[in-house]
Amino acid sequence: MSYRFNLNETSYHGSGAIKEIATEAKGRHFKKAFVCSDPDLIKFNVTKKVLDVLDEAGLDYEIYSDIKANPTIENVQHGVEAFKKSGADYIIAIGGGSSMDTAKAIGIIIANPEFEDVRSLEGTAATQNPCVPIIAVPTTAGTAAEVTINYVITDVQKKRKFVCVDPHDMPIVAVVDPDMMSSMPRGLTAATGMDALTHAIEGYTTKGAWEMSDMFHLKAIEIISRSLRAAVANEKEGREGMALGQYIAGMGFSNVGLGIAHSMAHTLGAVYDTPHGVACAMMLPIVMEFNQETTGEKYREIARAMGVRNVDSMSQEEYRKAAIDAVRKLGQDVGIPETIEAIKEDDLQFLAESAAADACAPGNPREASIDDFKAMFRRIMKH
């Protein structure tokens, strides 16, 4: 049995790290950047922090901002055309998962034009060439898209999201600067933080987990659990902790996969436009309950990493409950809702079938039937 592990060539961490973008661009002899960033980040001058670094260094760039919160096939197609016209030779992706996922898809198609039909990238597409070089600058502490080989695109026509998994899309440089995350509003901080916790817990319990990924995931659970409440309160220490914790979670799950909390979250996002982190946070404790009988002693270590005391004196039933309760409590403390009003009984069949077909589902430690999915979705319906 062999295990593959993909990570960035280089990553920078800490306050002021964005200055290293100029160092990397010059050191790699890049000529012009195609800057992918969403309209809100441009509007609120978050993107400008990076543009100032480029301006000071005399580096040329062009901005692309046709990016939605759940990026669509059309966003990618427009981006491919804009990149071709720009004369750029590398991409700087600034934002959360949406900007980075769009950038990855654009970069892959430019380098592998035979995949210009965006839908052909679903799953593990057999691309031949590494994507256009990407320098990734996260502005949210959650998706870890800067260190993963995954990206997610929304097919508006078919009301579904599809997951693409490709080592060729890995950004060559990640710049994880907590100062870039300081203007995140409270709700987004909470949602993206719970997404990071979901990455860490699902990555730790997924079928593909092994010792090296476990090391990352347990540390990520620990850092996220102690940092998220403070980050939501916009405390510097909390922001710094979340910037690191979400990246460490990404180092792990990108290489071993996730589970059905993500399958169900992708479906909720595609059908109701539910923010991804909110959907993950709502599903995580429910899925943990569903999976608990197949996880051995892992929930004891999750509970320990989340700060639960005296776990070694607990029975299996007690530490499993303690882990699930700790996750649910963290979600409540940071303001995650527990129901989605839009879900109706008539929607459940489609939701369940979509979740079952999602690329994250096979990694779940326990197989879920259509009826299982329906029962779990039913728990977040407004009654």
Protein backbone atom coordinates (compact mmCIF):
# COMPACT_ATOMS: atom_id res chain seq x y z
CA MET A 1 0.00 0.00 0.00
CA SER A 2 1.40 3.41 -0.95
CA TYR A 3 0.10 6.81 0.13
CA ARG A 4 0.41 10.00 -1.93
CA PHE A 5 0.84 13.41 -0.33
CA ASN A 6 0.65 16.72 -2.27
CA LEU A 7 1.53 20.08 -0.71
CA ASN A 8 2.47 23.56 -2.00
CA GLU A 9 6.01 24.09 -3.27
CA THR A 10 6.26 27.03 -0.86
CA SER A 11 3.99 28.60 1.74
CA TYR A 12 4.33 31.80 3.78
CA HIS A 13 2.58 32.33 7.11
CA GLY A 14 2.13 35.27 9.45
CA SER A 15 1.32 38.95 9.55
CA GLY A 16 2.73 40.82 6.54
CA ALA A 17 3.37 37.66 4.51
CA ILE A 18 1.77 39.18 1.39
CA LYS A 19 4.98 41.15 0.78
CA GLU A 20 6.53 37.84 -0.30
CA ILE A 21 4.26 37.76 -3.38
CA ALA A 22 6.59 40.22 -5.09
CA THR A 23 9.63 38.17 -4.04
CA GLU A 24 8.12 35.01 -5.54
CA ALA A 25 6.89 36.67 -8.76
CA LYS A 26 10.27 38.25 -9.43
CA GLY A 27 12.22 35.16 -8.40
CA ARG A 28 10.20 33.05 -10.83
CA HIS A 29 10.53 35.69 -13.61
CA PHE A 30 6.78 36.05 -14.02
CA LYS A 31 5.72 38.86 -16.36
CA LYS A 32 2.04 39.60 -15.74
CA ALA A 33 -0.49 38.43 -13.14
CA PHE A 34 -4.12 37.51 -13.81
CA VAL A 35 -5.64 38.52 -10.47
CA CYS A 36 -8.79 36.52 -9.61
CA SER A 37 -10.79 38.16 -6.83
CA ASP A 38 -14.50 38.55 -6.15
CA PRO A 39 -16.34 41.89 -6.44
CA ASP A 40 -16.90 42.37 -2.68
CA LEU A 41 -13.19 42.01 -1.88
CA ILE A 42 -12.40 44.59 -4.53
CA LYS A 43 -15.16 46.90 -3.26
CA PHE A 44 -13.94 46.75 0.35
CA ASN A 45 -10.25 47.26 -0.61
CA VAL A 46 -9.11 43.83 0.58
CA THR A 47 -7.75 42.96 -2.88
CA LYS A 48 -6.01 46.36 -2.90
CA LYS A 49 -3.60 45.17 -0.17
CA VAL A 50 -2.09 42.74 -2.68
CA LEU A 51 -2.34 45.17 -5.61
CA ASP A 52 -0.34 47.70 -3.56
CA VAL A 53 2.42 45.10 -3.18
CA LEU A 54 2.43 44.53 -6.95
CA ASP A 55 2.39 48.28 -7.67
CA GLU A 56 5.29 48.95 -5.30
CA ALA A 57 7.32 46.21 -7.00
CA GLY A 58 6.43 47.47 -10.48
CA LEU A 59 4.69 44.22 -11.40
CA ASP A 60 2.06 44.18 -14.14
CA TYR A 61 -1.41 42.68 -13.59
CA GLU A 62 -4.99 42.49 -14.81
CA ILE A 63 -8.04 41.94 -12.56
CA TYR A 64 -10.75 39.35 -13.18
CA SER A 65 -13.78 39.59 -10.88
CA ASP A 66 -16.65 37.75 -12.61
CA ILE A 67 -16.82 35.34 -9.66
CA LYS A 68 -19.87 34.30 -7.63
CA ALA A 69 -19.94 32.95 -4.07
CA ASN A 70 -20.64 29.50 -5.53
CA PRO A 71 -18.60 29.83 -8.76
CA THR A 72 -20.41 28.69 -11.90
CA ILE A 73 -19.40 27.09 -15.18
CA GLU A 74 -19.98 30.49 -16.81
CA ASN A 75 -17.61 32.24 -14.38
CA VAL A 76 -14.89 29.78 -15.43
CA GLN A 77 -15.63 30.09 -19.17
CA HIS A 78 -15.53 33.90 -19.03
CA GLY A 79 -12.29 33.67 -17.04
CA VAL A 80 -10.63 31.42 -19.61
CA GLU A 81 -11.46 33.93 -22.37
CA ALA A 82 -10.24 36.86 -20.26
CA PHE A 83 -6.97 35.06 -19.43
CA LYS A 84 -6.29 34.33 -23.11
CA LYS A 85 -6.72 38.03 -23.97
CA SER A 86 -4.70 39.30 -20.98
CA GLY A 87 -1.21 38.13 -21.91
CA ALA A 88 -0.75 36.96 -18.31
CA ASP A 89 1.58 34.08 -17.46
CA TYR A 90 0.49 33.39 -13.86
CA ILE A 91 -2.55 33.75 -11.60
CA ILE A 92 -2.89 35.40 -8.19
CA ALA A 93 -6.06 34.12 -6.52
CA ILE A 94 -7.27 36.38 -3.70
CA GLY A 95 -10.30 35.36 -1.66
CA GLY A 96 -12.08 32.37 -0.23
CA GLY A 97 -12.86 29.10 -1.96
CA SER A 98 -14.83 30.84 -4.72
CA SER A 99 -11.92 32.90 -6.08
CA MET A 100 -9.48 30.00 -5.73
CA ASP A 101 -11.78 27.40 -7.26
CA THR A 102 -12.40 29.69 -10.24
CA ALA A 103 -8.66 30.31 -10.60
CA LYS A 104 -7.86 26.58 -10.46
CA ALA A 105 -10.41 25.74 -13.16
CA ILE A 106 -9.16 28.57 -15.40
CA GLY A 107 -5.54 27.52 -14.88
CA ILE A 108 -6.27 23.87 -15.64
CA ILE A 109 -8.21 24.62 -18.86
CA ILE A 110 -5.55 27.04 -20.15
CA ALA A 111 -2.87 24.35 -19.66
CA ASN A 112 -5.13 21.50 -20.83
CA PRO A 113 -7.39 22.96 -23.56
CA GLU A 114 -8.89 19.55 -24.33
CA PHE A 115 -10.85 20.04 -21.07
CA GLU A 116 -12.46 23.32 -22.14
CA ASP A 117 -15.89 21.76 -21.45
CA VAL A 118 -15.88 22.60 -17.74
CA ARG A 119 -18.11 19.63 -16.89
CA SER A 120 -15.38 17.27 -18.20
CA LEU A 121 -13.25 18.24 -15.16
CA GLU A 122 -15.59 16.54 -12.69
CA GLY A 123 -14.08 13.83 -10.49
CA THR A 124 -10.49 12.89 -11.27
CA ALA A 125 -9.97 14.21 -14.80
CA ALA A 126 -6.88 12.83 -16.55
CA THR A 127 -5.20 16.19 -17.22
CA GLN A 128 -1.66 15.99 -18.56
CA ASN A 129 -0.18 19.35 -17.59
CA PRO A 130 0.16 21.36 -14.36
CA CYS A 131 -2.16 24.38 -14.40
CA VAL A 132 -0.98 27.94 -14.97
CA PRO A 133 1.16 28.81 -11.89
CA ILE A 134 -1.06 30.08 -9.06
CA ILE A 135 -0.10 32.18 -6.04
CA ALA A 136 -3.02 31.74 -3.62
CA VAL A 137 -3.88 34.34 -0.96
CA PRO A 138 -6.78 33.31 1.31
CA THR A 139 -9.02 35.97 2.83
CA THR A 140 -11.14 33.50 4.78
CA ALA A 141 -9.99 30.97 7.37
CA GLY A 142 -11.86 27.93 6.22
CA THR A 143 -11.67 26.41 2.76
CA ALA A 144 -7.88 25.86 2.68
CA ALA A 145 -8.23 25.93 -1.12
CA GLU A 146 -4.71 27.37 -1.22
CA VAL A 147 -3.27 23.96 -0.22
CA THR A 148 -5.75 21.48 -1.70
CA ILE A 149 -6.01 19.59 -4.96
CA ASN A 150 -9.79 20.09 -4.99
CA TYR A 151 -12.13 22.66 -6.45
CA VAL A 152 -15.92 22.84 -6.68
CA ILE A 153 -17.97 24.34 -9.54
CA THR A 154 -21.73 24.92 -9.63
CA ASP A 155 -23.74 23.68 -12.60
CA VAL A 156 -26.65 26.15 -12.45
CA GLN A 157 -28.52 24.41 -15.24
CA LYS A 158 -28.59 21.05 -13.41
CA LYS A 159 -28.83 22.53 -9.88
CA ARG A 160 -25.78 20.67 -8.66
CA LYS A 161 -22.20 21.25 -7.59
CA PHE A 162 -19.44 19.00 -8.89
CA VAL A 163 -16.13 18.32 -7.21
CA CYS A 164 -12.89 18.17 -9.20
CA VAL A 165 -9.83 16.44 -7.73
CA ASP A 166 -6.57 17.03 -9.59
CA PRO A 167 -2.97 17.27 -8.29
CA HIS A 168 -2.26 19.50 -11.30
CA ASP A 169 -4.37 22.33 -9.80
CA MET A 170 -2.28 22.80 -6.63
CA PRO A 171 -1.17 26.44 -6.17
CA ILE A 172 2.63 26.58 -6.27
CA VAL A 173 2.73 29.25 -3.55
CA ALA A 174 0.33 29.84 -0.65
CA VAL A 175 0.47 33.13 1.24
CA VAL A 176 -1.48 32.77 4.50
CA ASP A 177 -1.53 36.24 6.03
CA PRO A 178 -4.03 36.76 8.90
CA ASP A 179 -4.08 40.49 8.09
CA MET A 180 -5.91 39.57 4.86
CA MET A 181 -8.66 38.01 6.98
CA SER A 182 -9.17 40.82 9.51
CA SER A 183 -12.11 42.41 7.67
CA MET A 184 -14.14 39.20 7.47
CA PRO A 185 -17.58 39.81 9.00
CA ARG A 186 -18.62 37.79 12.04
CA GLY A 187 -20.98 35.44 10.17
CA LEU A 188 -18.45 34.59 7.48
CA THR A 189 -15.73 34.02 10.09
CA ALA A 190 -18.02 31.57 11.90
CA ALA A 191 -19.12 29.74 8.75
CA THR A 192 -15.66 29.37 7.20
CA GLY A 193 -14.23 28.35 10.58
CA MET A 194 -16.79 25.58 10.95
CA ASP A 195 -15.98 24.47 7.39
CA ALA A 196 -12.35 24.11 8.52
CA LEU A 197 -13.43 22.06 11.55
CA THR A 198 -15.51 19.85 9.25
CA HIS A 199 -12.44 19.33 7.04
CA ALA A 200 -10.39 18.29 10.05
CA ILE A 201 -12.98 15.92 11.57
CA GLU A 202 -14.07 14.35 8.28
CA GLY A 203 -10.44 14.03 7.16
CA TYR A 204 -9.60 12.31 10.47
CA THR A 205 -12.47 9.80 10.18
CA THR A 206 -12.52 9.23 6.39
CA LYS A 207 -11.73 5.80 4.94
CA GLY A 208 -8.43 7.06 3.50
CA ALA A 209 -7.06 8.44 6.81
CA TRP A 210 -3.63 7.26 7.98
CA GLU A 211 -0.97 8.30 10.50
CA MET A 212 0.44 11.27 8.62
CA SER A 213 -2.96 12.79 7.83
CA ASP A 214 -4.14 12.06 11.40
CA MET A 215 -1.26 14.17 12.69
CA PHE A 216 -2.45 17.20 10.73
CA HIS A 217 -6.12 16.71 11.49
CA LEU A 218 -5.81 16.35 15.26
CA LYS A 219 -3.62 19.46 15.46
CA ALA A 220 -6.09 21.35 13.28
CA ILE A 221 -9.05 20.33 15.48
CA GLU A 222 -7.13 21.54 18.53
CA ILE A 223 -6.16 24.92 17.03
CA ILE A 224 -9.59 25.60 15.47
CA SER A 225 -11.47 24.65 18.66
CA ARG A 226 -9.47 27.06 20.79
CA SER A 227 -9.35 29.87 18.18
CA LEU A 228 -12.73 30.12 16.45
CA ARG A 229 -14.71 31.87 19.18
CA ALA A 230 -11.96 34.49 19.52
CA ALA A 231 -11.73 34.91 15.73
CA VAL A 232 -15.50 35.53 15.56
CA ALA A 233 -14.97 38.21 18.23
CA ASN A 234 -12.28 39.64 15.86
CA GLU A 235 -9.44 39.12 18.33
CA LYS A 236 -5.98 39.07 16.76
CA GLU A 237 -4.91 35.83 18.42
CA GLY A 238 -8.06 34.07 17.23
CA ARG A 239 -7.55 35.28 13.65
CA GLU A 240 -3.94 34.07 13.66
CA GLY A 241 -4.94 30.70 15.10
CA MET A 242 -7.66 30.18 12.50
CA ALA A 243 -5.37 31.14 9.62
CA LEU A 244 -2.97 28.40 10.68
CA GLY A 245 -5.55 25.82 11.80
CA GLN A 246 -7.52 25.86 8.55
CA TYR A 247 -4.31 25.52 6.51
CA ILE A 248 -3.15 22.51 8.54
CA ALA A 249 -6.58 20.89 8.04
CA GLY A 250 -6.17 21.45 4.30
CA MET A 251 -2.75 19.78 4.30
CA GLY A 252 -4.50 16.66 5.57
CA PHE A 253 -7.92 16.34 3.96
CA SER A 254 -6.72 17.28 0.47
CA ASN A 255 -4.72 14.04 0.49
CA VAL A 256 -7.22 11.61 2.06
CA GLY A 257 -10.70 12.90 1.22
CA LEU A 258 -13.80 13.84 3.20
CA GLY A 259 -17.26 12.39 3.86
CA ILE A 260 -21.00 12.92 3.63
CA ALA A 261 -21.18 16.13 5.69
CA HIS A 262 -19.50 17.68 2.65
CA SER A 263 -21.64 15.74 0.15
CA MET A 264 -24.76 17.10 1.84
CA ALA A 265 -23.33 20.62 2.15
CA HIS A 266 -22.51 20.72 -1.58
CA THR A 267 -26.13 19.73 -2.32
CA LEU A 268 -27.59 22.38 0.01
CA GLY A 269 -25.35 25.01 -1.59
CA ALA A 270 -26.40 24.05 -5.12
CA VAL A 271 -30.15 23.90 -4.42
CA TYR A 272 -30.68 26.68 -1.84
CA ASP A 273 -27.45 28.68 -2.19
CA THR A 274 -26.75 27.93 1.48
CA PRO A 275 -23.24 29.22 2.34
CA HIS A 276 -20.92 26.22 2.28
CA GLY A 277 -19.54 26.65 5.80
CA VAL A 278 -23.02 27.05 7.28
CA ALA A 279 -24.20 23.88 5.54
CA CYS A 280 -21.13 21.95 6.76
CA ALA A 281 -21.62 23.18 10.33
CA MET A 282 -25.28 22.14 10.34
CA MET A 283 -24.57 18.67 8.97
CA LEU A 284 -21.38 17.85 10.91
CA PRO A 285 -22.83 16.82 14.32
CA ILE A 286 -25.67 14.94 12.58
CA VAL A 287 -23.21 13.03 10.40
CA MET A 288 -20.94 12.38 13.41
CA GLU A 289 -23.88 10.70 15.15
CA PHE A 290 -24.54 8.61 12.03
CA ASN A 291 -20.86 7.58 11.75
CA GLN A 292 -20.03 7.01 15.42
CA GLU A 293 -20.26 3.20 15.41
CA THR A 294 -17.61 2.96 12.66
CA THR A 295 -14.94 5.25 14.14
CA GLY A 296 -13.29 3.10 16.82
CA GLU A 297 -11.60 5.30 19.42
CA LYS A 298 -11.25 8.35 17.17
CA TYR A 299 -14.03 10.36 18.84
CA ARG A 300 -12.10 10.17 22.11
CA GLU A 301 -9.18 11.95 20.41
CA ILE A 302 -11.55 14.47 18.78
CA ALA A 303 -13.05 15.22 22.22
CA ARG A 304 -9.55 15.56 23.71
CA ALA A 305 -8.42 17.91 20.90
CA MET A 306 -11.54 20.03 21.47
CA GLY A 307 -10.61 20.53 25.11
CA VAL A 308 -12.96 18.00 26.75
CA ARG A 309 -11.45 16.90 30.07
CA ASN A 310 -11.07 13.41 31.57
CA VAL A 311 -11.75 11.61 28.29
CA ASP A 312 -9.60 8.64 29.35
CA SER A 313 -12.00 7.84 32.17
CA MET A 314 -15.04 7.91 29.86
CA SER A 315 -16.79 4.94 28.30
CA GLN A 316 -16.92 4.72 24.50
CA GLU A 317 -20.52 5.94 24.54
CA GLU A 318 -19.57 8.88 26.78
CA TYR A 319 -16.59 10.12 24.76
CA ARG A 320 -18.49 9.78 21.49
CA LYS A 321 -21.31 11.89 22.90
CA ALA A 322 -18.77 14.37 24.34
CA ALA A 323 -17.15 14.85 20.91
CA ILE A 324 -20.49 15.39 19.15
CA ASP A 325 -21.70 17.74 21.92
CA ALA A 326 -18.48 19.80 21.71
CA VAL A 327 -18.94 20.26 17.96
CA ARG A 328 -22.62 21.20 18.35
CA LYS A 329 -21.79 23.67 21.17
CA LEU A 330 -19.08 25.38 19.12
CA GLY A 331 -21.52 25.84 16.23
CA GLN A 332 -24.14 27.31 18.59
CA ASP A 333 -21.59 29.62 20.25
CA VAL A 334 -20.57 31.17 16.92
CA GLY A 335 -24.17 31.59 15.73
CA ILE A 336 -24.70 28.78 13.22
CA PRO A 337 -28.43 28.19 12.53
CA GLU A 338 -29.83 24.70 13.04
CA THR A 339 -32.54 24.64 10.35
CA ILE A 340 -33.11 25.73 6.73
CA GLU A 341 -36.63 27.02 6.18
CA ALA A 342 -36.60 26.43 2.41
CA ILE A 343 -36.31 22.62 2.63
CA LYS A 344 -39.59 20.82 1.96
CA GLU A 345 -40.46 17.12 2.21
CA ASP A 346 -40.84 17.00 -1.59
CA ASP A 347 -37.19 18.11 -1.99
CA LEU A 348 -35.72 15.24 0.01
CA GLN A 349 -35.48 12.64 -2.77
CA PHE A 350 -33.50 14.98 -5.04
CA LEU A 351 -31.31 16.17 -2.15
CA ALA A 352 -30.56 12.61 -1.09
CA GLU A 353 -29.75 11.40 -4.61
CA SER A 354 -27.47 14.40 -5.21
CA ALA A 355 -25.60 13.86 -1.93
CA ALA A 356 -25.19 10.15 -2.66
CA ALA A 357 -23.69 10.93 -6.09
CA ASP A 358 -21.24 13.55 -4.74
CA ALA A 359 -17.51 12.83 -5.02
CA CYS A 360 -17.01 13.14 -1.24
CA ALA A 361 -19.53 10.39 -0.37
CA PRO A 362 -17.30 7.32 -0.98
CA GLY A 363 -14.82 8.48 1.68
CA ASN A 364 -17.39 8.35 4.47
CA PRO A 365 -16.59 5.63 7.05
CA ARG A 366 -20.19 4.35 6.96
CA GLU A 367 -22.20 3.85 3.80
CA ALA A 368 -25.40 5.90 3.67
CA SER A 369 -28.55 4.84 1.82
CA ILE A 370 -30.97 7.26 0.15
CA ASP A 371 -33.24 6.82 3.17
CA ASP A 372 -30.32 7.63 5.52
CA PHE A 373 -29.64 10.85 3.61
CA LYS A 374 -33.33 11.78 3.74
CA ALA A 375 -33.43 11.21 7.50
CA MET A 376 -30.38 13.42 8.04
CA PHE A 377 -31.69 16.21 5.78
CA ARG A 378 -35.01 15.99 7.59
CA ARG A 379 -33.27 16.93 10.84
CA ILE A 380 -32.42 20.43 9.51
CA MET A 381 -35.92 21.09 8.15
CA LYS A 382 -38.02 23.74 9.87
CA HIS A 383 -40.85 21.84 11.58
